[in-house]
Amino acid sequence: MVSRSRMRMWGGENVLLDGKRQRAAMADRLLKEGMGPYAEEVLSKMVATHNLVALPVAEHVRGMMQAAHPIGALAQRASR
């Protein structure tokens, strides 16, 4: 639970509710679309742009993300 002083610092409860809404929207999206589109969206945030083409690690990470079950990804996001 977040303290009241932290909520004031972040701009109040609206910030917390927005976070919940965003997580719920992401959960719906991952369950509907699967991990493929999400993996493409965030891969450049996980692997340096120049390495996306230069190194086989990008394909490995992409494959791992696409093979992951959305429920596991949702559980990880919920723990934040």
Protein backbone atom coordinates (compact mmCIF):
# COMPACT_ATOMS: atom_id res chain seq x y z
CA MET A 1 0.00 0.00 0.00
CA VAL A 2 1.21 3.49 -0.81
CA SER A 3 1.30 6.03 1.99
CA ARG A 4 -0.80 9.19 1.82
CA SER A 5 2.35 11.34 1.70
CA ARG A 6 3.55 9.42 -1.35
CA MET A 7 0.15 9.79 -3.01
CA ARG A 8 0.36 13.56 -2.52
CA MET A 9 3.88 13.55 -3.92
CA TRP A 10 2.69 11.65 -7.03
CA GLY A 11 -0.38 13.80 -7.52
CA GLY A 12 -2.98 11.96 -5.48
CA GLU A 13 -5.08 8.86 -5.83
CA ASN A 14 -5.82 9.59 -9.48
CA VAL A 15 -2.28 8.54 -10.34
CA LEU A 16 -2.81 5.21 -8.58
CA LEU A 17 -6.16 4.67 -10.28
CA ASP A 18 -4.63 5.52 -13.65
CA GLY A 19 -1.96 2.89 -13.04
CA LYS A 20 -4.61 0.30 -12.23
CA ARG A 21 -6.54 1.19 -15.36
CA GLN A 22 -3.41 0.97 -17.48
CA ARG A 23 -2.53 -2.45 -16.05
CA ALA A 24 -6.08 -3.67 -16.63
CA ALA A 25 -6.02 -2.40 -20.22
CA MET A 26 -2.66 -4.07 -20.80
CA ALA A 27 -3.99 -7.33 -19.35
CA ASP A 28 -6.98 -7.23 -21.69
CA ARG A 29 -4.74 -6.48 -24.64
CA LEU A 30 -2.23 -9.26 -23.91
CA LEU A 31 -5.01 -11.80 -23.46
CA LYS A 32 -6.67 -10.67 -26.70
CA GLU A 33 -3.61 -10.19 -28.95
CA GLY A 34 -1.05 -12.49 -27.35
CA MET A 35 2.56 -11.59 -26.69
CA GLY A 36 3.69 -11.03 -30.31
CA PRO A 37 2.63 -7.41 -30.78
CA TYR A 38 3.77 -6.49 -27.26
CA ALA A 39 7.16 -8.11 -27.87
CA GLU A 40 7.67 -6.05 -31.03
CA GLU A 41 6.66 -2.90 -29.16
CA VAL A 42 9.09 -3.26 -26.25
CA LEU A 43 12.00 -5.14 -27.80
CA SER A 44 13.84 -1.93 -28.67
CA LYS A 45 13.60 -0.91 -25.00
CA MET A 46 15.25 -4.17 -23.94
CA VAL A 47 17.96 -4.52 -26.58
CA ALA A 48 19.99 -1.61 -27.95
CA THR A 49 18.69 -0.48 -31.34
CA HIS A 50 21.96 -1.20 -33.18
CA ASN A 51 21.95 -4.72 -31.71
CA LEU A 52 18.44 -5.49 -32.96
CA VAL A 53 20.00 -6.11 -36.37
CA ALA A 54 23.62 -6.83 -35.54
CA LEU A 55 23.26 -9.57 -32.93
CA PRO A 56 21.27 -12.81 -32.81
CA VAL A 57 20.36 -12.04 -29.19
CA ALA A 58 17.47 -9.88 -30.40
CA GLU A 59 15.88 -12.84 -32.19
CA HIS A 60 16.40 -14.97 -29.10
CA VAL A 61 14.71 -12.39 -26.85
CA ARG A 62 11.89 -11.90 -29.38
CA GLY A 63 11.31 -15.66 -29.50
CA MET A 64 11.27 -15.96 -25.72
CA MET A 65 8.79 -13.11 -25.39
CA GLN A 66 6.50 -14.43 -28.10
CA ALA A 67 6.56 -17.91 -26.57
CA ALA A 68 5.69 -16.61 -23.10
CA HIS A 69 2.13 -17.10 -21.94
CA PRO A 70 0.29 -13.80 -21.39
CA ILE A 71 -0.77 -14.88 -17.89
CA GLY A 72 2.88 -15.02 -16.81
CA ALA A 73 3.54 -11.56 -18.21
CA LEU A 74 0.47 -10.22 -16.43
CA ALA A 75 1.58 -11.72 -13.13
CA GLN A 76 4.98 -10.06 -13.48
CA ARG A 77 3.41 -6.67 -14.24
CA ALA A 78 1.00 -7.01 -11.33
CA SER A 79 3.89 -7.44 -8.91
CA ARG A 80 5.12 -3.89 -9.61
